[in-house]
Protein backbone atom coordinates (compact mmCIF):
# COMPACT_ATOMS: atom_id res chain seq x y z
CA MET A 1 16.60 -2.24 -19.67
CA SER A 2 14.62 -5.45 -19.35
CA GLN A 3 12.39 -6.56 -22.19
CA PRO A 4 8.61 -6.22 -21.74
CA SER A 5 7.00 -9.35 -20.32
CA GLN A 6 3.48 -10.48 -19.62
CA ARG A 7 3.64 -8.23 -16.54
CA PRO A 8 5.65 -5.14 -17.50
CA LYS A 9 7.41 -3.35 -14.67
CA ILE A 10 6.43 0.29 -14.24
CA LEU A 11 8.37 2.77 -12.12
CA GLN A 12 6.07 5.46 -10.72
CA CYS A 13 8.13 8.61 -10.00
CA VAL A 14 6.66 11.25 -7.65
CA SER A 15 8.21 14.36 -6.14
CA HIS A 16 8.09 13.17 -2.54
CA LEU A 17 5.77 11.46 -0.08
CA ALA A 18 3.84 14.41 1.27
CA LEU A 19 0.61 16.36 1.04
CA GLY A 20 -0.19 16.36 -2.68
CA GLY A 21 -2.51 14.96 -5.28
CA ALA A 22 0.13 13.43 -7.58
CA GLU A 23 1.27 10.94 -4.94
CA ARG A 24 -2.29 9.84 -4.30
CA VAL A 25 -3.01 9.43 -8.01
CA ALA A 26 0.11 7.27 -8.40
CA LEU A 27 -0.97 5.04 -5.51
CA THR A 28 -4.50 4.76 -6.88
CA LEU A 29 -3.06 3.55 -10.19
CA VAL A 30 -0.88 1.01 -8.40
CA GLU A 31 -3.88 -0.39 -6.55
CA ALA A 32 -6.11 -0.44 -9.63
CA LEU A 33 -3.62 -2.03 -12.08
CA ARG A 34 -1.39 -4.19 -9.89
CA ASP A 35 -2.90 -7.40 -11.31
CA GLU A 36 -1.60 -6.48 -14.77
CA PHE A 37 1.64 -4.61 -14.08
CA ASP A 38 4.45 -4.82 -11.54
CA PHE A 39 4.97 -1.45 -9.88
CA GLU A 40 7.76 0.20 -7.96
CA ILE A 41 7.74 3.77 -6.61
CA PHE A 42 10.52 6.34 -6.54
CA ALA A 43 10.04 9.40 -4.30
CA VAL A 44 12.61 11.66 -5.97
CA ARG A 45 12.92 14.08 -3.06
CA GLY A 46 12.32 11.58 -0.28
CA MET A 47 9.65 11.67 2.39
CA ALA A 48 8.39 14.81 4.09
CA ASP A 49 8.34 15.03 7.87
CA GLY A 50 5.01 14.48 9.56
CA ASP A 51 2.11 12.06 9.64
CA VAL A 52 1.14 12.34 5.98
CA GLY A 53 4.47 11.15 4.57
CA GLN A 54 4.69 8.32 7.08
CA ALA A 55 1.13 7.23 6.33
CA LEU A 56 1.88 7.11 2.59
CA ALA A 57 5.02 5.06 3.24
CA ARG A 58 3.03 2.59 5.38
CA HIS A 59 0.40 2.33 2.67
CA ILE A 60 3.05 1.51 0.07
CA HIS A 61 4.55 -1.08 2.41
CA ASN A 62 1.14 -2.69 2.96
CA LEU A 63 0.69 -2.91 -0.81
CA ASP A 64 3.99 -4.85 -0.93
CA VAL A 65 5.34 -2.39 -3.49
CA PRO A 66 9.08 -1.54 -3.40
CA LEU A 67 9.73 2.08 -2.44
CA HIS A 68 12.89 3.99 -3.37
CA VAL A 69 13.66 7.30 -1.67
CA GLY A 70 15.91 10.03 -3.07
CA ALA A 71 17.84 12.86 -1.43
CA ARG A 72 16.02 15.91 -0.07
CA VAL A 73 18.05 18.55 -1.91
CA PRO A 74 16.17 21.69 -3.10
CA MET A 75 16.35 22.34 -6.83
CA ARG A 76 18.04 25.73 -6.34
CA PHE A 77 20.86 24.00 -4.42
CA GLY A 78 21.63 21.36 -7.03
CA GLY A 79 18.52 19.24 -6.63
CA VAL A 80 18.22 18.72 -10.38
CA ILE A 81 21.61 17.02 -10.50
CA THR A 82 21.14 14.94 -7.35
CA SER A 83 17.67 13.89 -8.58
CA GLY A 84 19.19 12.78 -11.88
CA ILE A 85 21.88 10.78 -10.11
CA GLY A 86 19.30 9.20 -7.82
CA MET A 87 17.05 8.30 -10.73
CA ALA A 88 19.94 6.69 -12.62
CA ARG A 89 20.73 4.53 -9.59
CA VAL A 90 17.11 3.48 -9.20
CA LEU A 91 16.76 2.63 -12.90
CA LYS A 92 19.90 0.50 -12.77
CA ARG A 93 18.44 -1.41 -9.82
CA VAL A 94 14.82 -1.68 -10.99
CA LYS A 95 15.28 -2.04 -14.78
CA PRO A 96 11.72 -0.84 -15.53
CA ASP A 97 9.94 -1.46 -18.80
CA LEU A 98 8.22 1.93 -18.50
CA ILE A 99 8.77 5.10 -16.46
CA HIS A 100 5.81 7.19 -15.32
CA LEU A 101 6.74 10.75 -14.28
CA HIS A 102 4.37 12.78 -12.10
CA THR A 103 5.01 16.57 -11.96
CA GLU A 104 8.04 18.79 -12.52
CA ILE A 105 10.58 17.46 -10.00
CA PRO A 106 10.59 13.90 -11.39
CA GLU A 107 10.71 15.38 -14.89
CA ALA A 108 13.77 17.46 -13.97
CA GLY A 109 15.51 14.43 -12.50
CA TYR A 110 14.77 12.31 -15.56
CA ALA A 111 15.86 15.07 -17.96
CA ALA A 112 19.19 15.55 -16.15
CA MET A 113 19.81 11.82 -16.19
CA ALA A 114 18.87 11.46 -19.86
CA ALA A 115 21.04 14.42 -20.92
CA PHE A 116 24.21 13.18 -19.25
CA LEU A 117 23.57 9.42 -19.48
CA PRO A 118 21.92 8.88 -22.86
CA GLY A 119 21.89 5.12 -22.37
CA THR A 120 19.20 5.51 -19.72
CA ARG A 121 16.64 6.60 -22.35
CA ALA A 122 15.77 3.04 -23.38
CA ALA A 123 12.52 2.71 -21.43
CA PRO A 124 9.45 4.55 -22.76
CA VAL A 125 8.18 7.47 -20.69
CA VAL A 126 4.65 8.46 -19.65
CA ARG A 127 4.19 11.95 -18.21
CA THR A 128 1.17 13.09 -16.20
CA ILE A 129 0.67 16.85 -16.02
CA HIS A 130 -0.91 17.60 -12.64
CA ASN A 131 -1.35 21.37 -12.83
CA THR A 132 -2.75 24.01 -15.13
CA VAL A 133 0.30 26.16 -14.32
CA PHE A 134 3.08 23.88 -15.52
CA TRP A 135 6.76 24.76 -14.97
CA GLY A 136 5.61 28.24 -13.98
CA PHE A 137 8.32 28.75 -11.37
CA TRP A 138 11.35 28.09 -13.65
CA ARG A 139 10.20 28.21 -17.25
CA PRO A 140 13.61 28.01 -18.99
CA LEU A 141 14.41 24.81 -17.09
CA GLY A 142 11.01 23.42 -18.02
CA ARG A 143 11.64 24.05 -21.70
CA TRP A 144 15.04 22.35 -21.47
CA CYS A 145 13.51 19.35 -19.66
CA ASP A 146 10.79 19.02 -22.27
CA ARG A 147 13.43 18.84 -25.01
CA GLN A 148 14.98 15.83 -23.25
CA MET A 149 11.65 13.93 -23.42
CA PRO A 150 10.30 14.54 -26.94
CA ASN A 151 8.88 11.04 -27.40
CA SER A 152 7.02 10.77 -24.12
CA PHE A 153 3.35 9.82 -23.93
CA VAL A 154 1.47 12.59 -22.14
CA ALA A 155 -1.73 12.81 -20.10
CA GLY A 156 -3.18 15.88 -18.43
CA VAL A 157 -5.45 15.51 -15.40
CA SER A 158 -7.80 18.16 -16.80
CA PRO A 159 -8.24 20.00 -20.12
CA GLY A 160 -6.36 22.94 -18.62
CA ALA A 161 -3.43 20.72 -17.63
CA THR A 162 -3.29 19.20 -21.12
CA GLU A 163 -3.26 22.67 -22.66
CA ALA A 164 -0.47 23.69 -20.26
CA PHE A 165 1.68 20.91 -21.71
CA ASN A 166 0.84 21.95 -25.27
CA ARG A 167 2.01 25.48 -24.52
CA LEU A 168 5.29 24.23 -23.04
CA ARG A 169 5.91 21.93 -26.01
CA GLN A 170 5.36 24.80 -28.42
CA GLU A 171 7.82 26.97 -26.48
CA SER A 172 10.45 24.23 -26.11
CA GLY A 173 10.58 23.49 -29.82
CA ALA A 174 10.72 19.74 -29.23
CA SER A 175 9.26 17.50 -31.91
CA ALA A 176 5.64 16.41 -31.74
CA PRO A 177 4.96 13.59 -29.25
CA PRO A 178 4.27 10.12 -30.69
CA GLN A 179 0.55 10.75 -30.24
CA PRO A 180 -1.49 13.79 -29.17
CA PRO A 181 -1.66 14.38 -25.41
CA THR A 182 -4.82 13.06 -23.81
CA THR A 183 -6.89 14.19 -20.83
CA ILE A 184 -7.40 11.55 -18.14
CA TYR A 185 -9.41 12.76 -15.18
CA ASN A 186 -8.14 11.52 -11.82
CA GLY A 187 -10.19 8.74 -10.30
CA VAL A 188 -11.16 8.95 -6.63
CA GLN A 189 -12.44 6.10 -4.50
CA GLU A 190 -15.87 6.74 -3.08
CA PRO A 191 -15.56 7.16 0.68
CA LYS A 192 -17.41 5.11 3.20
CA PRO A 193 -20.71 6.69 4.26
CA LEU A 194 -19.90 9.56 6.58
CA SER A 195 -21.33 9.62 10.07
CA ARG A 196 -22.47 13.12 10.94
CA PRO A 197 -21.83 14.10 14.57
CA ASN A 198 -24.76 14.46 16.89
CA ARG A 199 -25.48 18.15 17.21
CA LYS A 200 -26.58 19.54 20.54
CA PRO A 201 -30.00 21.20 20.80
CA GLY A 202 -30.02 24.90 20.13
CA PRO A 203 -27.90 27.06 17.83
CA GLU A 204 -24.44 25.74 16.93
CA PRO A 205 -21.66 27.28 14.85
CA VAL A 206 -21.68 26.56 11.15
CA GLN A 207 -18.74 24.20 10.59
CA LEU A 208 -16.40 25.00 7.67
CA VAL A 209 -13.14 23.32 6.63
CA PHE A 210 -10.15 23.84 4.34
CA GLY A 211 -7.60 21.13 3.54
CA GLY A 212 -4.42 21.66 1.53
CA ARG A 213 -1.18 23.59 1.24
CA PHE A 214 -1.09 27.11 2.63
CA GLU A 215 0.21 28.69 -0.58
CA ASP A 216 -0.79 31.33 -3.13
CA GLN A 217 -2.07 28.64 -5.48
CA LYS A 218 -4.65 27.59 -2.90
CA GLY A 219 -5.68 31.19 -2.14
CA THR A 220 -5.11 30.93 1.61
CA ASP A 221 -3.57 34.41 1.60
CA LEU A 222 -7.08 35.74 0.79
CA LEU A 223 -8.79 34.25 3.83
CA ALA A 224 -8.21 37.27 6.08
CA GLN A 225 -9.99 39.54 3.58
CA ILE A 226 -12.73 36.98 2.96
CA LEU A 227 -13.64 36.37 6.60
CA ALA A 228 -13.57 40.07 7.42
CA GLN A 229 -16.36 40.64 4.86
CA VAL A 230 -18.63 37.78 5.98
CA ARG A 231 -21.03 37.87 8.93
CA PRO A 232 -22.20 34.45 10.09
CA PRO A 233 -26.01 34.59 10.40
CA ASN A 234 -26.21 32.04 13.18
CA PRO A 235 -26.05 33.57 16.70
CA ALA A 236 -23.48 30.91 17.51
CA GLY A 237 -21.22 32.12 14.69
CA ALA A 238 -19.08 30.05 12.36
CA ARG A 239 -16.03 27.86 12.91
CA LEU A 240 -13.34 27.40 10.25
CA VAL A 241 -10.75 24.63 10.64
CA LEU A 242 -7.70 24.71 8.36
CA PHE A 243 -5.69 21.50 7.84
CA GLY A 244 -2.35 22.00 6.12
CA SER A 245 1.06 23.65 6.12
CA GLY A 246 3.00 26.11 4.00
CA ALA A 247 4.21 29.68 3.62
CA HIS A 248 0.97 31.27 4.82
CA GLU A 249 0.85 29.41 8.13
CA PRO A 250 2.03 32.37 10.28
CA GLN A 251 -0.62 34.61 8.68
CA LEU A 252 -3.35 32.04 9.26
CA ARG A 253 -2.32 31.50 12.88
CA ALA A 254 -2.56 35.26 13.38
CA ILE A 255 -6.15 35.13 12.10
CA ALA A 256 -6.88 32.25 14.48
CA LYS A 257 -5.56 34.31 17.37
CA HIS A 258 -7.62 37.40 16.46
CA PRO A 259 -10.54 36.25 14.25
CA PRO A 260 -13.17 38.60 12.80
CA PRO A 261 -16.44 39.00 14.74
CA GLY A 262 -18.56 35.87 14.72
CA TRP A 263 -15.70 33.60 13.61
CA THR A 264 -13.63 30.95 15.33
CA VAL A 265 -10.56 29.84 13.36
CA GLU A 266 -8.32 26.84 14.08
CA VAL A 267 -5.11 25.86 12.27
CA ARG A 268 -4.12 22.21 12.39
CA ARG A 269 -1.37 20.11 10.89
CA PRO A 270 -2.09 17.99 7.78
CA ILE A 271 -3.69 14.63 8.45
CA PRO A 272 -3.49 11.50 6.27
CA ASP A 273 -7.22 10.71 6.46
CA PHE A 274 -8.64 14.16 5.68
CA ALA A 275 -11.52 12.77 3.56
CA SER A 276 -12.77 10.71 6.49
CA GLN A 277 -13.12 13.89 8.58
CA LEU A 278 -15.39 15.71 6.14
CA GLY A 279 -18.56 14.44 7.82
CA GLU A 280 -17.91 16.78 10.73
CA TYR A 281 -18.37 19.87 8.55
CA ASP A 282 -21.16 21.70 6.74
CA LEU A 283 -19.14 23.41 4.00
CA VAL A 284 -15.72 23.06 2.34
CA LEU A 285 -13.83 26.23 1.36
CA MET A 286 -11.59 26.23 -1.75
CA PRO A 287 -10.42 29.77 -2.70
CA SER A 288 -7.84 28.42 -5.20
CA ARG A 289 -6.23 30.50 -7.93
CA HIS A 290 -5.45 27.40 -10.01
CA GLU A 291 -5.34 23.62 -9.65
CA GLY A 292 -4.46 20.60 -11.74
CA LEU A 293 -7.54 18.69 -10.74
CA ALA A 294 -8.64 19.37 -7.17
CA LEU A 295 -8.89 16.01 -5.39
CA VAL A 296 -10.23 17.61 -2.21
CA ALA A 297 -13.18 18.99 -4.19
CA ILE A 298 -13.89 15.54 -5.65
CA GLU A 299 -13.67 13.87 -2.24
CA ALA A 300 -15.98 16.45 -0.72
CA SER A 301 -18.49 16.04 -3.55
CA LEU A 302 -18.44 12.25 -3.24
CA SER A 303 -19.12 12.73 0.47
CA GLY A 304 -22.05 15.04 -0.27
CA ILE A 305 -20.44 18.04 1.46
CA PRO A 306 -21.11 21.23 -0.57
CA ILE A 307 -18.17 23.35 -1.69
CA ILE A 308 -17.58 27.09 -1.86
CA ALA A 309 -15.11 27.23 -4.75
CA THR A 310 -13.71 29.48 -7.47
CA ASP A 311 -13.80 29.29 -11.24
CA ALA A 312 -10.07 28.48 -11.21
CA PRO A 313 -8.75 26.15 -13.91
CA GLY A 314 -8.61 22.61 -12.57
CA LEU A 315 -11.20 23.37 -9.89
CA HIS A 316 -14.39 24.35 -11.67
CA GLU A 317 -14.10 21.16 -13.79
CA THR A 318 -14.70 19.12 -10.63
CA LEU A 319 -18.16 20.64 -10.13
CA PRO A 320 -21.40 20.66 -12.13
CA ALA A 321 -21.77 23.46 -14.67
CA ASN A 322 -24.62 24.99 -12.66
CA HIS A 323 -22.86 24.84 -9.28
CA PRO A 324 -24.33 27.84 -7.42
CA TRP A 325 -21.43 28.68 -5.13
CA LEU A 326 -18.62 29.61 -7.51
CA ALA A 327 -16.56 32.82 -7.10
CA ARG A 328 -13.98 34.51 -9.30
CA ALA A 329 -10.48 33.11 -8.76
CA GLY A 330 -8.18 35.46 -6.86
CA ASP A 331 -11.04 37.80 -5.89
CA ALA A 332 -11.59 37.97 -2.12
CA ALA A 333 -14.71 40.14 -2.40
CA SER A 334 -16.33 37.74 -4.88
CA PHE A 335 -15.55 34.76 -2.66
CA ALA A 336 -16.92 36.56 0.40
CA THR A 337 -20.19 37.32 -1.44
CA VAL A 338 -20.64 33.67 -2.44
CA LEU A 339 -19.77 32.45 1.05
CA GLN A 340 -22.22 34.89 2.64
CA HIS A 341 -24.98 33.59 0.37
CA ALA A 342 -24.19 29.99 1.30
CA LEU A 343 -24.30 30.82 5.01
CA ASP A 344 -27.57 32.72 4.60
CA HIS A 345 -29.26 29.84 2.75
CA PRO A 346 -28.58 26.59 4.60
CA GLU A 347 -31.65 25.04 2.95
CA GLN A 348 -29.67 24.86 -0.32
CA ARG A 349 -26.85 22.73 1.07
CA SER A 350 -28.45 19.32 0.66
CA GLU A 351 -29.46 19.79 -2.98
CA THR A 352 -26.12 21.40 -3.88
CA GLY A 353 -24.18 18.56 -2.27
CA ASN A 354 -26.30 15.84 -3.88
CA LYS A 355 -25.90 17.29 -7.40
CA ALA A 356 -22.15 17.52 -6.97
CA ARG A 357 -22.04 13.92 -5.72
CA VAL A 358 -23.82 12.58 -8.80
CA PHE A 359 -21.52 14.60 -11.07
CA ALA A 360 -18.37 13.32 -9.31
CA GLN A 361 -19.54 9.71 -9.41
CA GLU A 362 -19.98 9.91 -13.17
CA ARG A 363 -16.78 11.81 -14.08
CA PHE A 364 -14.16 10.65 -11.57
CA ALA A 365 -14.53 6.88 -11.32
CA VAL A 366 -11.30 4.99 -10.56
CA LYS A 367 -12.12 2.35 -13.18
CA THR A 368 -12.38 4.98 -15.91
CA MET A 369 -8.97 6.41 -14.98
CA ALA A 370 -7.38 2.96 -14.71
CA ASP A 371 -8.73 1.89 -18.11
CA ALA A 372 -7.32 5.02 -19.74
CA TYR A 373 -3.86 4.58 -18.22
CA ARG A 374 -3.84 0.89 -19.09
CA THR A 375 -4.35 1.90 -22.70
CA LEU A 376 -1.66 4.60 -22.49
CA TYR A 377 0.84 2.18 -20.92
CA ARG A 378 0.19 -0.42 -23.61
CA GLN A 379 0.58 2.19 -26.35
CA ALA A 380 3.90 3.35 -24.90
CA LEU A 381 5.17 -0.21 -24.53
CA ALA A 382 4.14 -1.09 -28.07
CA ALA A 383 5.83 2.00 -29.49
CA ARG A 384 9.08 0.91 -27.95
């Protein structure tokens, strides 16, 4: 590995270029700290099909940052091994002074590489934990991976994410990290002022939106029960637009084909500029069961669009403590009750959105995140 210089080289490792918060956090760090560090990016599992992955690749190209793309092999079909081989090849080419791992797939690739090629351990490692449910899908593998990275410097994107790492470290039996894990909230750029569409005279549907993966974590399987229990008060009804993809897509398209009374439901593919579309909507729906730190909620708050959310770990931290529209995570009836109240009281939207905006501006500034990671990088480099 190369020796640290005035501009250390940092390899940002993400799962793949697709719809996800970790990729966006990595790019935000690159943009914020590129005057002090040289960055390269490794997408361990390549680039997903669709506009989002291509848009991320173009953004990386426009930043003039080298991008390395690995093989798209699922973990259950040997993806851990192929990811390790791919990471070893990238490290040999890049010779980074520091490796920054985002989420489980990059961790698995690094651990496999380090276990079978011990000479690749020379560079210090920073790990960012992006979820409050960490290595939940294959816990034994997670414990093994953690034992391959005992001396890594760790940051969680929320207190819940930091605690998730602490639990894994206790289970894995690895030695204590060189310093206690820290919580670094994700920073989000404030969007340009949103232009609200001109509404036609007379009653119009209330406009609601969801953006994210159609998976259990995001609670999209609960939407059928939720909508069935809510009656839009406006004679024109309510319109829900869902941007995303995932396992629940067939179920959601069935709802769109036969929506409950008063509802219109549309399912659309993910888009790379989702935040810029928020001005078209009155409310954002987030029925999540758990998050790491919900970037969509932060973007909506910064845009002044009020959110119907849950008290899920990693989501409620993005909102003020007195946020009025918060339901119990995983509880469709609770979410429906909160949503019904929000629809029945449109006069509360402006104040709710403004309070959330002020909160997000104070907690999720990009400069605050960049300063914290600068410190963490320097600590890891010095410890080397």
